């Protein structure tokens, strides 16, 4: 439970932090306002997170209940409750360990939660914060009559919307479905400050308070912000940020805000210390880690390197000129050996933090236990073009200085999934085709100049040459599918319900997959890769996460198929997907890119989840009835949602009505009939999803779609989608409230001459259904 309060802490932990920064979000917002990427800077870390990482500051961004991944939890209605929840979770997770300096940072309503947090720390004998940066909100000592807002508890819907608009909440929130999701959260958050009693009795605060406000913020002007001086004698007005009350959602304003705040935080704590090692890390890379004399990757290799399981003592963490986080090593303990003094730089991503390092360092250098690595020769390739390849060998590929297998190793290994550029190929004395590699990108990192030869069969990719990218630049990671050049194959994508923990395991190292998950995780505010790898299963089964996880896994599986057999996808002429799988099929056919699909699925899954919360509904499979006989049995408000196979249907409706239908089927005792209640949270593909369709329509209106490059079947018509993007959008909206005609789709599709049908991961449900729809085509199904 404590982890839910600080969902990004695993990423923001710092080794022996010089400062712990706890931040509370504004009303209706989440921790992402502090940890979210900078969209103006190529989606890199924002100013606050970059500064924190570089200077050893540990960011604890609080996520109260009722938002993002905690949407299903009841939102708290008092600042004291929010502060207490965060305080207990932070204490459990070690926020006050080592008596390290700490600070508070908050915007709007979060300021009063921060104030309560500071009082809790004081009452429990903790050291006071080094500084509190209060942004866009007056002091809790402000009298009720002077608070610049209207209490909202008794406001009707129209008046409450108007009050929200005065806080400059984005108009998109007032759409019918978004409002159904956000109104309960906003009402709860507004109660936190509406009903907050006039404070100040605990004054004076013993720590400095710094204030920031928006230049067009009529809810918290500079004079209102200066009321903090009544509870904090050491109050200072830092300055203003261009924008209204919610300037935090404007990327340029947020950058200005963070720059101002970082300066205040830096001035409140001691500078980064130098001297003895601060932290100890363990090497977790199976092939160890190369050590370089300098921080930059172009620096010469040191005369030693780190083995897997080896421990290093680190004195400094630094981002090099290419944006790679590096650790400066001052001592090394190889597995089973004593510690020795060493000097060099390693990549942080290959290590796990293991706590504070011992204070003493062995006075003498012992090198007998250290592996030597000969530095590679300087690159000799002077051409301007090369062929881009992906490393697909099961164990990667080892580079040698020459074409022959007897040549000296360069000390560089290419791991499976790495990208590289090949300047040419040759056949050695053993008649093995060898590739001359001149650039490599390790796991999507910056391009490095290399010069070595490896077995060509361990690499895959197109044969055409293209200009070589600049050394130090980062490759653009994307999963793209080849055009159709042949016929005879079909792709059938699974839908929600196929998910399970661990389903991505065979595809994790395919080029672009981890980056794809990283980008999607930013949109969903949750580490989706960790969710798939470790669960919990209950969260993975939540429609708010299961949809995108199934979609991304299917994309990864198709990318793996293309990696293993580059010609397979070129023969795919037709594609379809079951429910959610229709988005996978449309993405494969080029109607939308993966990023657009992820954004749409965020809206779709949230809206469907919110619709499920409106009334208790569900779904049930009914087997053994002809359609006319089943229709005669359906209670009021129950409809056929999914057409699976002959005499196999899924119905959706109120849970009590489904139970009545279940009882009616049992009572008939008709041979060959049965019912199976589905473990889903709502009546998908039925009129119960009308509100979700409204929200999806709004989202679709904001994106551009392309005409399909292949034949893609629509769930609601069982016929190919039209080439008009507007008609595709209409079909996707109807899909939420209409049934999925899967049986009819397959029957129409298999009229063509088909020699293979692929079902990408996860699951094999579509393969099982094919047995009942067309026994002749079942042997042609292949799971990938």
Foldseek 3Di string as FASTA:
>chain_A
DLCLFQVCQVVQAFFLALEEEEEEEAFLDALCLQAFAQVVPVRHTAPQSVVCQAFRYGYRRTGAACDFLRVVPQGAQALLVSLVSNLVSCVVVQVCPPLHAYEYEYAHLRLVNVVNNQVVCVVVPRDGHLEYEYEQAFDLQDDLVPQQADQPLPPDPVVVVVRVVLLVDDPLCPFLLSVLSRVSRNNSSSSRNNVRHRDQPPAQDPHEYEYEYEPAEPRQDPVRRVNNCSRYVRYYYQYYFHDYRVCSPPSVSVNVVSVSVSVVVCVSGDGRDADFFWFKKFFQDQAFWWWFQDADPPGWTDFFTAHHGKMFGFGRWHQDPLRFIKTWTQWIDHPPGDIFGDTTITGPVRIDTDHTDDGDHPPHGDCPPTDGADAADPFDDDDFKFFKKFQQAPAFKWFFQDADPPGHTNRDTGGGQKMWTFPDWDQDPVRFIKTWTQWIAHLQGFIDGHTGITGPVRIDDDDDMDGDDDGSDTDDFFQAADFADAAFEEEEEEFQPLADAPFLVVQCSHHRLCVLQVLLCSLSVHNLVCCNHPNDPVSCNQLLNVLLSSLSSLSSQVSVVCRVPVCVRNHHFEYEYFQSGLLSRQCNQQQDDSSLSSNLSNLLSVSVNSLLVVAFKFKKKKADDAPVVVVVLQDPQKDFAEDQFGRITMIMGHPVSVVVSQVVVVVVPDPPIHMGTDPHRHGWQACSSLSSLSSSLVSLVVDGTAFGSHFYAQQQPLGTQDRDSVSVSVSSSNSRHHHGHVLSNVVVVVVDNHQAYEYEDDDCSSLVSCCRSPVVCSVRYDYD
